[in-house]
C-alpha atoms as a PDB file:
ATOM      1  CA  UNK A   1      -9.875 -14.554  -8.028  1.00  0.00           C
ATOM      2  CA  UNK A   2      -9.300 -16.951  -6.868  1.00  0.00           C
ATOM      3  CA  UNK A   3      -8.382 -20.835  -8.592  1.00  0.00           C
ATOM      4  CA  UNK A   4      -9.826 -24.685  -7.553  1.00  0.00           C
ATOM      5  CA  UNK A   5      -6.082 -25.210  -5.994  1.00  0.00           C
ATOM      6  CA  UNK A   6      -6.702 -21.534  -3.711  1.00  0.00           C
ATOM      7  CA  UNK A   7      -9.898 -22.828  -2.968  1.00  0.00           C
ATOM      8  CA  UNK A   8      -8.834 -25.768  -1.520  1.00  0.00           C
ATOM      9  CA  UNK A   9      -5.628 -24.938  -0.054  1.00  0.00           C
ATOM     10  CA  UNK A  10      -7.695 -21.982   1.467  1.00  0.00           C
ATOM     11  CA  UNK A  11     -10.829 -25.160   2.911  1.00  0.00           C
ATOM     12  CA  UNK A  12      -8.474 -27.488   4.284  1.00  0.00           C
ATOM     13  CA  UNK A  13      -6.571 -24.258   6.375  1.00  0.00           C
ATOM     14  CA  UNK A  14     -10.047 -24.024   8.228  1.00  0.00           C
ATOM     15  CA  UNK A  15     -10.461 -27.680   8.818  1.00  0.00           C
ATOM     16  CA  UNK A  16     -13.737 -27.063   6.414  1.00  0.00           C
ATOM     17  CA  UNK A  17     -14.060 -30.782   5.160  1.00  0.00           C
ATOM     18  CA  UNK A  18     -17.221 -32.384   3.200  1.00  0.00           C
ATOM     19  CA  UNK A  19     -19.424 -33.212   7.108  1.00  0.00           C
ATOM     20  CA  UNK A  20     -19.134 -29.299   7.953  1.00  0.00           C
ATOM     21  CA  UNK A  21     -20.371 -28.422   4.083  1.00  0.00           C
ATOM     22  CA  UNK A  22     -24.036 -30.850   4.413  1.00  0.00           C
ATOM     23  CA  UNK A  23     -23.866 -29.214   8.201  1.00  0.00           C
ATOM     24  CA  UNK A  24     -24.055 -25.474   6.986  1.00  0.00           C
ATOM     25  CA  UNK A  25     -26.394 -26.566   4.784  1.00  0.00           C
ATOM     26  CA  UNK A  26     -27.979 -28.702   6.720  1.00  0.00           C
ATOM     27  CA  UNK A  27     -28.264 -25.176   9.141  1.00  0.00           C
ATOM     28  CA  UNK A  28     -29.401 -23.252   5.793  1.00  0.00           C
ATOM     29  CA  UNK A  29     -33.032 -25.077   6.082  1.00  0.00           C
ATOM     30  CA  UNK A  30     -33.471 -23.614   9.728  1.00  0.00           C
ATOM     31  CA  UNK A  31     -31.970 -20.230   9.267  1.00  0.00           C
ATOM     32  CA  UNK A  32     -32.787 -19.247   5.985  1.00  0.00           C
ATOM     33  CA  UNK A  33     -36.206 -18.129   7.354  1.00  0.00           C
ATOM     34  CA  UNK A  34     -34.480 -16.477   9.706  1.00  0.00           C
ATOM     35  CA  UNK A  35     -32.365 -14.121   8.498  1.00  0.00           C
ATOM     36  CA  UNK A  36     -34.788 -11.300   7.637  1.00  0.00           C
ATOM     37  CA  UNK A  37     -35.310 -10.915  11.578  1.00  0.00           C
ATOM     38  CA  UNK A  38     -31.260 -11.979  11.627  1.00  0.00           C
ATOM     39  CA  UNK A  39     -30.821  -9.236   9.436  1.00  0.00           C
ATOM     40  CA  UNK A  40     -32.639  -7.271  11.479  1.00  0.00           C
ATOM     41  CA  UNK A  41     -31.011  -7.476  14.044  1.00  0.00           C
ATOM     42  CA  UNK A  42     -28.223  -6.706  13.256  1.00  0.00           C
ATOM     43  CA  UNK A  43     -29.176  -3.083  12.299  1.00  0.00           C
ATOM     44  CA  UNK A  44     -30.175  -2.501  15.888  1.00  0.00           C
ATOM     45  CA  UNK A  45     -26.898  -3.332  16.592  1.00  0.00           C
ATOM     46  CA  UNK A  46     -25.253  -1.834  14.377  1.00  0.00           C
ATOM     47  CA  UNK A  47     -27.341   1.388  15.074  1.00  0.00           C
ATOM     48  CA  UNK A  48     -25.480   1.948  18.396  1.00  0.00           C
ATOM     49  CA  UNK A  49     -22.225   2.365  16.699  1.00  0.00           C
ATOM     50  CA  UNK A  50     -20.855   5.619  14.401  1.00  0.00           C
ATOM     51  CA  UNK A  51     -20.306   3.735  11.666  1.00  0.00           C
ATOM     52  CA  UNK A  52     -24.520   3.276  11.195  1.00  0.00           C
ATOM     53  CA  UNK A  53     -24.033   7.090  10.852  1.00  0.00           C
ATOM     54  CA  UNK A  54     -21.399   7.061   8.804  1.00  0.00           C
ATOM     55  CA  UNK A  55     -22.639   5.189   6.331  1.00  0.00           C
ATOM     56  CA  UNK A  56     -26.466   4.961   6.086  1.00  0.00           C
ATOM     57  CA  UNK A  57     -28.237   7.433   8.932  1.00  0.00           C
ATOM     58  CA  UNK A  58     -28.794   9.935   5.920  1.00  0.00           C
ATOM     59  CA  UNK A  59     -29.054   7.309   3.545  1.00  0.00           C
ATOM     60  CA  UNK A  60     -32.407   5.241   3.550  1.00  0.00           C
ATOM     61  CA  UNK A  61     -32.242   3.755   0.604  1.00  0.00           C
ATOM     62  CA  UNK A  62     -28.022   2.654   0.311  1.00  0.00           C
ATOM     63  CA  UNK A  63     -29.607   0.990   3.661  1.00  0.00           C
ATOM     64  CA  UNK A  64     -32.480  -0.770   1.632  1.00  0.00           C
ATOM     65  CA  UNK A  65     -30.098  -1.984  -1.238  1.00  0.00           C
ATOM     66  CA  UNK A  66     -27.050  -3.226   1.676  1.00  0.00           C
ATOM     67  CA  UNK A  67     -29.553  -5.388   3.347  1.00  0.00           C
ATOM     68  CA  UNK A  68     -31.578  -7.018   0.296  1.00  0.00           C
ATOM     69  CA  UNK A  69     -27.100  -7.583  -0.223  1.00  0.00           C
ATOM     70  CA  UNK A  70     -26.966  -8.890   2.875  1.00  0.00           C
ATOM     71  CA  UNK A  71     -29.890 -10.731   2.247  1.00  0.00           C
ATOM     72  CA  UNK A  72     -28.532 -12.831  -0.437  1.00  0.00           C
ATOM     73  CA  UNK A  73     -24.586 -12.882   0.952  1.00  0.00           C
ATOM     74  CA  UNK A  74     -26.113 -14.995   4.372  1.00  0.00           C
ATOM     75  CA  UNK A  75     -27.897 -17.050   1.717  1.00  0.00           C
ATOM     76  CA  UNK A  76     -25.320 -17.936  -0.374  1.00  0.00           C
ATOM     77  CA  UNK A  77     -23.358 -18.708   2.823  1.00  0.00           C
ATOM     78  CA  UNK A  78     -25.677 -21.027   3.418  1.00  0.00           C
ATOM     79  CA  UNK A  79     -26.282 -22.572  -0.171  1.00  0.00           C
ATOM     80  CA  UNK A  80     -22.030 -23.612   1.133  1.00  0.00           C
ATOM     81  CA  UNK A  81     -21.407 -23.616  -3.202  1.00  0.00           C
ATOM     82  CA  UNK A  82     -17.415 -23.189  -2.331  1.00  0.00           C
ATOM     83  CA  UNK A  83     -16.754 -22.572  -6.063  1.00  0.00           C
ATOM     84  CA  UNK A  84     -14.983 -19.799  -7.815  1.00  0.00           C
ATOM     85  CA  UNK A  85     -18.288 -17.609  -7.843  1.00  0.00           C
ATOM     86  CA  UNK A  86     -17.893 -18.093  -3.952  1.00  0.00           C
ATOM     87  CA  UNK A  87     -14.939 -16.511  -3.431  1.00  0.00           C
ATOM     88  CA  UNK A  88     -15.258 -13.933  -6.121  1.00  0.00           C
ATOM     89  CA  UNK A  89     -18.558 -12.956  -4.612  1.00  0.00           C
ATOM     90  CA  UNK A  90     -16.264 -12.869  -0.886  1.00  0.00           C
ATOM     91  CA  UNK A  91     -13.663 -10.787  -2.740  1.00  0.00           C
ATOM     92  CA  UNK A  92     -16.119  -8.066  -4.342  1.00  0.00           C
ATOM     93  CA  UNK A  93     -17.390  -7.516  -0.238  1.00  0.00           C
ATOM     94  CA  UNK A  94     -13.812  -6.986   0.397  1.00  0.00           C
ATOM     95  CA  UNK A  95     -12.943  -4.157  -2.489  1.00  0.00           C
ATOM     96  CA  UNK A  96     -16.460  -2.338  -1.436  1.00  0.00           C
ATOM     97  CA  UNK A  97     -15.007  -2.433   1.554  1.00  0.00           C
ATOM     98  CA  UNK A  98     -11.407  -0.459   0.717  1.00  0.00           C
ATOM     99  CA  UNK A  99     -13.553   1.571  -1.557  1.00  0.00           C
ATOM    100  CA  UNK A 100     -15.789   2.498   1.156  1.00  0.00           C
ATOM    101  CA  UNK A 101     -12.248   3.432   4.049  1.00  0.00           C
ATOM    102  CA  UNK A 102     -15.426   1.226   6.466  1.00  0.00           C
ATOM    103  CA  UNK A 103     -12.794   0.374   9.467  1.00  0.00           C
ATOM    104  CA  UNK A 104     -11.625  -3.549   9.728  1.00  0.00           C
ATOM    105  CA  UNK A 105     -12.999  -3.117  13.319  1.00  0.00           C
ATOM    106  CA  UNK A 106     -16.330  -2.537  12.962  1.00  0.00           C
ATOM    107  CA  UNK A 107     -16.160  -5.261  10.454  1.00  0.00           C
ATOM    108  CA  UNK A 108     -15.403  -8.398  12.136  1.00  0.00           C
ATOM    109  CA  UNK A 109     -17.344  -7.475  15.382  1.00  0.00           C
ATOM    110  CA  UNK A 110     -20.074  -7.143  13.475  1.00  0.00           C
ATOM    111  CA  UNK A 111     -19.078 -10.687  11.837  1.00  0.00           C
ATOM    112  CA  UNK A 112     -18.715 -11.995  15.152  1.00  0.00           C
ATOM    113  CA  UNK A 113     -22.088 -10.696  16.178  1.00  0.00           C
ATOM    114  CA  UNK A 114     -23.088 -12.048  12.870  1.00  0.00           C
ATOM    115  CA  UNK A 115     -21.686 -15.710  14.527  1.00  0.00           C
ATOM    116  CA  UNK A 116     -23.425 -15.517  17.500  1.00  0.00           C
ATOM    117  CA  UNK A 117     -26.847 -14.770  16.302  1.00  0.00           C
ATOM    118  CA  UNK A 118     -26.792 -17.391  14.278  1.00  0.00           C
ATOM    119  CA  UNK A 119     -26.192 -19.590  16.735  1.00  0.00           C
ATOM    120  CA  UNK A 120     -28.163 -19.064  18.846  1.00  0.00           C
ATOM    121  CA  UNK A 121     -30.428 -19.218  16.808  1.00  0.00           C
ATOM    122  CA  UNK A 122     -29.963 -23.118  15.797  1.00  0.00           C
ATOM    123  CA  UNK A 123     -30.399 -24.365  19.463  1.00  0.00           C
ATOM    124  CA  UNK A 124     -32.828 -22.266  19.735  1.00  0.00           C
ATOM    125  CA  UNK A 125     -34.635 -23.638  17.098  1.00  0.00           C
ATOM    126  CA  UNK A 126     -33.414 -27.545  17.801  1.00  0.00           C
ATOM    127  CA  UNK A 127     -32.618 -26.875  21.627  1.00  0.00           C
ATOM    128  CA  UNK A 128     -32.802 -31.362  21.359  1.00  0.00           C
ATOM    129  CA  UNK A 129     -30.773 -31.588  18.317  1.00  0.00           C
ATOM    130  CA  UNK A 130     -28.230 -34.555  18.534  1.00  0.00           C
ATOM    131  CA  UNK A 131     -24.933 -32.456  16.459  1.00  0.00           C
ATOM    132  CA  UNK A 132     -26.382 -28.563  17.456  1.00  0.00           C
ATOM    133  CA  UNK A 133     -23.141 -27.801  19.046  1.00  0.00           C
ATOM    134  CA  UNK A 134     -20.812 -29.432  15.855  1.00  0.00           C
ATOM    135  CA  UNK A 135     -23.152 -27.655  13.296  1.00  0.00           C
ATOM    136  CA  UNK A 136     -22.264 -24.521  15.281  1.00  0.00           C
ATOM    137  CA  UNK A 137     -18.591 -25.724  14.964  1.00  0.00           C
ATOM    138  CA  UNK A 138     -19.414 -26.127  11.238  1.00  0.00           C
ATOM    139  CA  UNK A 139     -21.099 -22.519  10.946  1.00  0.00           C
ATOM    140  CA  UNK A 140     -18.609 -20.529  13.276  1.00  0.00           C
ATOM    141  CA  UNK A 141     -15.353 -22.292  10.398  1.00  0.00           C
ATOM    142  CA  UNK A 142     -17.088 -20.464   6.975  1.00  0.00           C
ATOM    143  CA  UNK A 143     -17.402 -17.253   8.746  1.00  0.00           C
ATOM    144  CA  UNK A 144     -13.993 -17.305   9.292  1.00  0.00           C
ATOM    145  CA  UNK A 145     -12.948 -18.120   5.652  1.00  0.00           C
ATOM    146  CA  UNK A 146     -16.158 -15.330   4.651  1.00  0.00           C
ATOM    147  CA  UNK A 147     -14.359 -12.701   7.191  1.00  0.00           C
ATOM    148  CA  UNK A 148     -10.536 -13.162   5.662  1.00  0.00           C
ATOM    149  CA  UNK A 149     -11.325 -13.945   1.789  1.00  0.00           C
ATOM    150  CA  UNK A 150     -12.433 -10.269   2.802  1.00  0.00           C
ATOM    151  CA  UNK A 151      -9.599  -9.066   4.951  1.00  0.00           C
ATOM    152  CA  UNK A 152      -7.326 -10.352   2.834  1.00  0.00           C
ATOM    153  CA  UNK A 153      -8.982  -8.505  -0.386  1.00  0.00           C
ATOM    154  CA  UNK A 154      -9.190  -4.942   1.995  1.00  0.00           C
ATOM    155  CA  UNK A 155      -5.082  -5.949   3.090  1.00  0.00           C
ATOM    156  CA  UNK A 156      -3.824  -6.122  -0.692  1.00  0.00           C
ATOM    157  CA  UNK A 157      -6.142  -3.158  -2.307  1.00  0.00           C
ATOM    158  CA  UNK A 158      -4.973  -0.827   0.215  1.00  0.00           C
ATOM    159  CA  UNK A 159      -1.429  -2.055  -0.057  1.00  0.00           C
ATOM    160  CA  UNK A 160      -2.116  -1.384  -3.578  1.00  0.00           C
ATOM    161  CA  UNK A 161      -2.088   2.466  -2.821  1.00  0.00           C
ATOM    162  CA  UNK A 162       0.168   2.579   0.232  1.00  0.00           C
ATOM    163  CA  UNK A 163       2.423   2.034  -3.199  1.00  0.00           C
ATOM    164  CA  UNK A 164       0.615   4.535  -5.790  1.00  0.00           C
ATOM    165  CA  UNK A 165       0.836   6.548  -3.460  1.00  0.00           C
ATOM    166  CA  UNK A 166       5.032   5.388  -2.236  1.00  0.00           C
ATOM    167  CA  UNK A 167       5.826   6.144  -5.880  1.00  0.00           C
ATOM    168  CA  UNK A 168       3.913   9.403  -6.529  1.00  0.00           C
ATOM    169  CA  UNK A 169       5.668  10.424  -3.601  1.00  0.00           C
ATOM    170  CA  UNK A 170       8.970   9.227  -4.791  1.00  0.00           C
ATOM    171  CA  UNK A 171       8.049  11.127  -8.714  1.00  0.00           C
ATOM    172  CA  UNK A 172       7.373  14.099  -6.787  1.00  0.00           C
ATOM    173  CA  UNK A 173      11.297  13.707  -3.972  1.00  0.00           C
ATOM    174  CA  UNK A 174      13.032  13.229  -6.650  1.00  0.00           C
ATOM    175  CA  UNK A 175      13.282  16.384  -9.220  1.00  0.00           C
ATOM    176  CA  UNK A 176      16.022  16.264 -11.525  1.00  0.00           C
ATOM    177  CA  UNK A 177      15.775  20.195 -12.826  1.00  0.00           C
ATOM    178  CA  UNK A 178      17.749  21.655 -15.637  1.00  0.00           C
ATOM    179  CA  UNK A 179      19.067  25.139 -13.750  1.00  0.00           C
ATOM    180  CA  UNK A 180      21.623  25.399 -16.512  1.00  0.00           C
ATOM    181  CA  UNK A 181      22.462  25.169 -19.365  1.00  0.00           C
ATOM    182  CA  UNK A 182      24.063  21.690 -19.265  1.00  0.00           C
ATOM    183  CA  UNK A 183      23.622  21.616 -15.561  1.00  0.00           C
ATOM    184  CA  UNK A 184      20.746  19.337 -13.976  1.00  0.00           C
ATOM    185  CA  UNK A 185      20.721  19.272 -10.060  1.00  0.00           C
ATOM    186  CA  UNK A 186      18.521  17.019  -8.096  1.00  0.00           C
ATOM    187  CA  UNK A 187      18.196  18.391  -4.516  1.00  0.00           C
ATOM    188  CA  UNK A 188      17.636  14.876  -2.385  1.00  0.00           C
ATOM    189  CA  UNK A 189      15.574  15.419   0.888  1.00  0.00           C
ATOM    190  CA  UNK A 190      14.515  12.679   4.013  1.00  0.00           C
ATOM    191  CA  UNK A 191      15.157   9.398   3.893  1.00  0.00           C
ATOM    192  CA  UNK A 192      16.848   7.437   0.989  1.00  0.00           C
ATOM    193  CA  UNK A 193      16.450   3.632   1.365  1.00  0.00           C
ATOM    194  CA  UNK A 194      17.919   1.579  -2.160  1.00  0.00           C
ATOM    195  CA  UNK A 195      14.984   2.440  -4.123  1.00  0.00           C
ATOM    196  CA  UNK A 196      14.748   5.733  -3.823  1.00  0.00           C
ATOM    197  CA  UNK A 197      18.408   5.532  -4.881  1.00  0.00           C
ATOM    198  CA  UNK A 198      17.203   3.415  -8.199  1.00  0.00           C
ATOM    199  CA  UNK A 199      14.592   5.737  -9.009  1.00  0.00           C
ATOM    200  CA  UNK A 200      17.829   8.637  -9.066  1.00  0.00           C
ATOM    201  CA  UNK A 201      19.730   6.624 -11.204  1.00  0.00           C
ATOM    202  CA  UNK A 202      16.270   5.750 -13.469  1.00  0.00           C
ATOM    203  CA  UNK A 203      15.183   9.771 -13.337  1.00  0.00           C
ATOM    204  CA  UNK A 204      19.143  10.781 -13.823  1.00  0.00           C
ATOM    205  CA  UNK A 205      20.452   8.914 -16.365  1.00  0.00           C
ATOM    206  CA  UNK A 206      16.837   9.668 -18.717  1.00  0.00           C
ATOM    207  CA  UNK A 207      17.432  13.455 -17.845  1.00  0.00           C
ATOM    208  CA  UNK A 208      21.169  12.704 -18.891  1.00  0.00           C
ATOM    209  CA  UNK A 209      19.548  11.421 -22.336  1.00  0.00           C
ATOM    210  CA  UNK A 210      17.233  14.183 -22.589  1.00  0.00           C
ATOM    211  CA  UNK A 211      18.758  17.139 -22.274  1.00  0.00           C
ATOM    212  CA  UNK A 212      22.795  15.873 -22.812  1.00  0.00           C
ATOM    213  CA  UNK A 213      23.628  17.269 -19.511  1.00  0.00           C
ATOM    214  CA  UNK A 214      28.084  17.663 -18.581  1.00  0.00           C
ATOM    215  CA  UNK A 215      27.322  18.470 -14.910  1.00  0.00           C
ATOM    216  CA  UNK A 216      25.147  16.751 -12.322  1.00  0.00           C
ATOM    217  CA  UNK A 217      24.772  17.857  -9.238  1.00  0.00           C
ATOM    218  CA  UNK A 218      23.652  15.801  -6.597  1.00  0.00           C
ATOM    219  CA  UNK A 219      22.402  18.197  -3.742  1.00  0.00           C
ATOM    220  CA  UNK A 220      22.774  15.643   0.180  1.00  0.00           C
ATOM    221  CA  UNK A 221      22.554  18.770   2.325  1.00  0.00           C
ATOM    222  CA  UNK A 222      18.461  17.330   3.455  1.00  0.00           C
ATOM    223  CA  UNK A 223      19.898  13.949   3.661  1.00  0.00           C
ATOM    224  CA  UNK A 224      19.187  12.662   7.499  1.00  0.00           C
ATOM    225  CA  UNK A 225      21.143   9.983   7.436  1.00  0.00           C
ATOM    226  CA  UNK A 226      23.368   7.714   5.186  1.00  0.00           C
ATOM    227  CA  UNK A 227      24.111   4.049   5.379  1.00  0.00           C
ATOM    228  CA  UNK A 228      26.591   1.696   3.167  1.00  0.00           C
ATOM    229  CA  UNK A 229      24.361   0.428   0.918  1.00  0.00           C
ATOM    230  CA  UNK A 230      22.803   3.680   0.285  1.00  0.00           C
ATOM    231  CA  UNK A 231      26.151   5.965  -0.185  1.00  0.00           C
ATOM    232  CA  UNK A 232      27.869   2.950  -2.700  1.00  0.00           C
ATOM    233  CA  UNK A 233      24.978   3.431  -3.839  1.00  0.00           C
ATOM    234  CA  UNK A 234      25.000   6.831  -5.266  1.00  0.00           C
ATOM    235  CA  UNK A 235      28.966   5.882  -5.896  1.00  0.00           C
ATOM    236  CA  UNK A 236      27.489   4.002  -8.550  1.00  0.00           C
ATOM    237  CA  UNK A 237      25.097   6.785  -9.712  1.00  0.00           C
ATOM    238  CA  UNK A 238      27.755   9.664 -10.572  1.00  0.00           C
ATOM    239  CA  UNK A 239      30.242   6.457 -12.523  1.00  0.00           C
ATOM    240  CA  UNK A 240      26.985   5.824 -14.620  1.00  0.00           C
ATOM    241  CA  UNK A 241      26.903   9.203 -14.984  1.00  0.00           C
ATOM    242  CA  UNK A 242      30.377   9.521 -16.555  1.00  0.00           C
ATOM    243  CA  UNK A 243      30.442   7.033 -18.836  1.00  0.00           C
ATOM    244  CA  UNK A 244      27.326   8.969 -20.161  1.00  0.00           C
ATOM    245  CA  UNK A 245      30.101  12.039 -20.055  1.00  0.00           C
ATOM    246  CA  UNK A 246      27.927  13.641 -17.557  1.00  0.00           C
ATOM    247  CA  UNK A 247      30.303  14.320 -14.551  1.00  0.00           C
ATOM    248  CA  UNK A 248      28.477  14.546 -11.306  1.00  0.00           C
ATOM    249  CA  UNK A 249      29.515  16.901  -7.845  1.00  0.00           C
ATOM    250  CA  UNK A 250      27.568  15.437  -5.189  1.00  0.00           C
ATOM    251  CA  UNK A 251      27.080  18.834  -2.660  1.00  0.00           C
ATOM    252  CA  UNK A 252      26.083  19.103   1.203  1.00  0.00           C
ATOM    253  CA  UNK A 253      28.520  16.511   2.752  1.00  0.00           C
ATOM    254  CA  UNK A 254      28.085  17.714   6.306  1.00  0.00           C
ATOM    255  CA  UNK A 255      30.775  16.633   8.905  1.00  0.00           C
ATOM    256  CA  UNK A 256      28.296  14.102  10.412  1.00  0.00           C
ATOM    257  CA  UNK A 257      27.806  12.289   6.573  1.00  0.00           C
ATOM    258  CA  UNK A 258      31.486  12.399   5.818  1.00  0.00           C
ATOM    259  CA  UNK A 259      31.733  11.228   9.631  1.00  0.00           C
ATOM    260  CA  UNK A 260      30.065   8.310   8.390  1.00  0.00           C
ATOM    261  CA  UNK A 261      31.120   7.414   4.968  1.00  0.00           C
ATOM    262  CA  UNK A 262      34.672   7.805   6.661  1.00  0.00           C
ATOM    263  CA  UNK A 263      33.968   5.625   9.625  1.00  0.00           C
ATOM    264  CA  UNK A 264      31.778   3.154   6.014  1.00  0.00           C
ATOM    265  CA  UNK A 265      34.888   3.183   4.188  1.00  0.00           C
ATOM    266  CA  UNK A 266      32.955   4.233   1.216  1.00  0.00           C
ATOM    267  CA  UNK A 267      35.605   5.003  -1.275  1.00  0.00           C
ATOM    268  CA  UNK A 268      34.878   8.026  -3.409  1.00  0.00           C
ATOM    269  CA  UNK A 269      36.662   7.673  -6.511  1.00  0.00           C
ATOM    270  CA  UNK A 270      37.493  10.232  -8.234  1.00  0.00           C
ATOM    271  CA  UNK A 271      34.047  11.717  -7.259  1.00  0.00           C
ATOM    272  CA  UNK A 272      34.189  15.400  -6.694  1.00  0.00           C
ATOM    273  CA  UNK A 273      32.407  16.871  -3.434  1.00  0.00           C
ATOM    274  CA  UNK A 274      31.852  19.998  -1.888  1.00  0.00           C
ATOM    275  CA  UNK A 275      30.330  21.555   1.541  1.00  0.00           C
ATOM    276  CA  UNK A 276      28.212  23.986  -0.010  1.00  0.00           C
ATOM    277  CA  UNK A 277      25.862  24.091  -2.694  1.00  0.00           C
ATOM    278  CA  UNK A 278      27.083  26.506  -3.960  1.00  0.00           C
ATOM    279  CA  UNK A 279      30.297  25.850  -4.106  1.00  0.00           C
ATOM    280  CA  UNK A 280      29.022  23.116  -6.811  1.00  0.00           C
ATOM    281  CA  UNK A 281      27.401  25.461  -9.058  1.00  0.00           C
ATOM    282  CA  UNK A 282      30.765  27.023  -9.152  1.00  0.00           C
ATOM    283  CA  UNK A 283      32.226  23.618 -10.305  1.00  0.00           C
ATOM    284  CA  UNK A 284      29.490  22.773 -12.259  1.00  0.00           C
ATOM    285  CA  UNK A 285      29.146  26.639 -14.374  1.00  0.00           C
ATOM    286  CA  UNK A 286      33.125  26.762 -14.508  1.00  0.00           C
ATOM    287  CA  UNK A 287      32.646  22.863 -16.132  1.00  0.00           C
ATOM    288  CA  UNK A 288      30.786  23.774 -19.094  1.00  0.00           C
ATOM    289  CA  UNK A 289      32.500  27.494 -19.393  1.00  0.00           C
ATOM    290  CA  UNK A 290      30.831  30.404 -17.854  1.00  0.00           C
ATOM    291  CA  UNK A 291      33.206  32.950 -17.101  1.00  0.00           C
ATOM    292  CA  UNK A 292      31.488  33.330 -13.161  1.00  0.00           C
ATOM    293  CA  UNK A 293      33.313  37.030 -13.357  1.00  0.00           C
ATOM    294  CA  UNK A 294      31.133  37.316 -16.767  1.00  0.00           C
ATOM    295  CA  UNK A 295      27.952  35.311 -15.162  1.00  0.00           C
ATOM    296  CA  UNK A 296      28.232  37.855 -12.491  1.00  0.00           C
ATOM    297  CA  UNK A 297      28.288  40.971 -14.560  1.00  0.00           C
ATOM    298  CA  UNK A 298      25.693  39.583 -16.478  1.00  0.00           C
ATOM    299  CA  UNK A 299      23.400  38.929 -13.718  1.00  0.00           C
ATOM    300  CA  UNK A 300      23.695  43.211 -12.483  1.00  0.00           C
ATOM    301  CA  UNK A 301      22.847  44.057 -15.180  1.00  0.00           C
ATOM    302  CA  UNK A 302      20.005  42.738 -15.474  1.00  0.00           C
ATOM    303  CA  UNK A 303      19.149  43.657 -11.883  1.00  0.00           C
END
């Protein structure tokens, strides 16, 4: 929702003043009787593009409804009551377009076509009008504002979707799993950045508190690359788990990552590391008091 100060700031950035508003309203007196024909021309133009087939060809009722809404849109455009309600209506248009995934290119093309059509009509109706050029310029400035508000809302909603998708993916890709009584495992895959390491920290500590785990195995064999910041964050995770009485073992340290850590000067301190996940499991089982030979016998008996 746009506040009064945001509205004033937006109009100022697009250099729309009281004179422009007066010209737009004057243009409205000339163009409102032309809106039905203008909208007809718009859909004749849109019919030549694939978006018409996607959104309207199989749904005449939707087309009729959208045409009615479009007429109301242009009527309020030329009323030029640039208040919170006017801005909110444009935000709503952006939300609808984001919901139906209308491509930005056809929206911009449509607004460009509409602007040209309206300006041509001004000049056709009043060819001798002294300030026709200034009137057309004022109308186009408000069309730019109209388009900006719509695209800004589309962008905001798209960012929300991306953020939500990233969060869901992060949750799926950070599975802290109990694999034995007292042992937790987290296999990391792909790229690990600072935001993901923070998520790892939160989930790991929460799972340790929940399960009272004594060993946490962090497998990084699937991590493609690691920089100093990420490496230091992983070391902090191990220290945080120690404060909760849980020992961390980092497994899957490849030669490339080992060399990188050395070159970056990252100090791992007393953190236990292994080259393979199997080696980590053996250390983890030993740490929780499981006899490896007895475990092997039990597994053989059960198979």
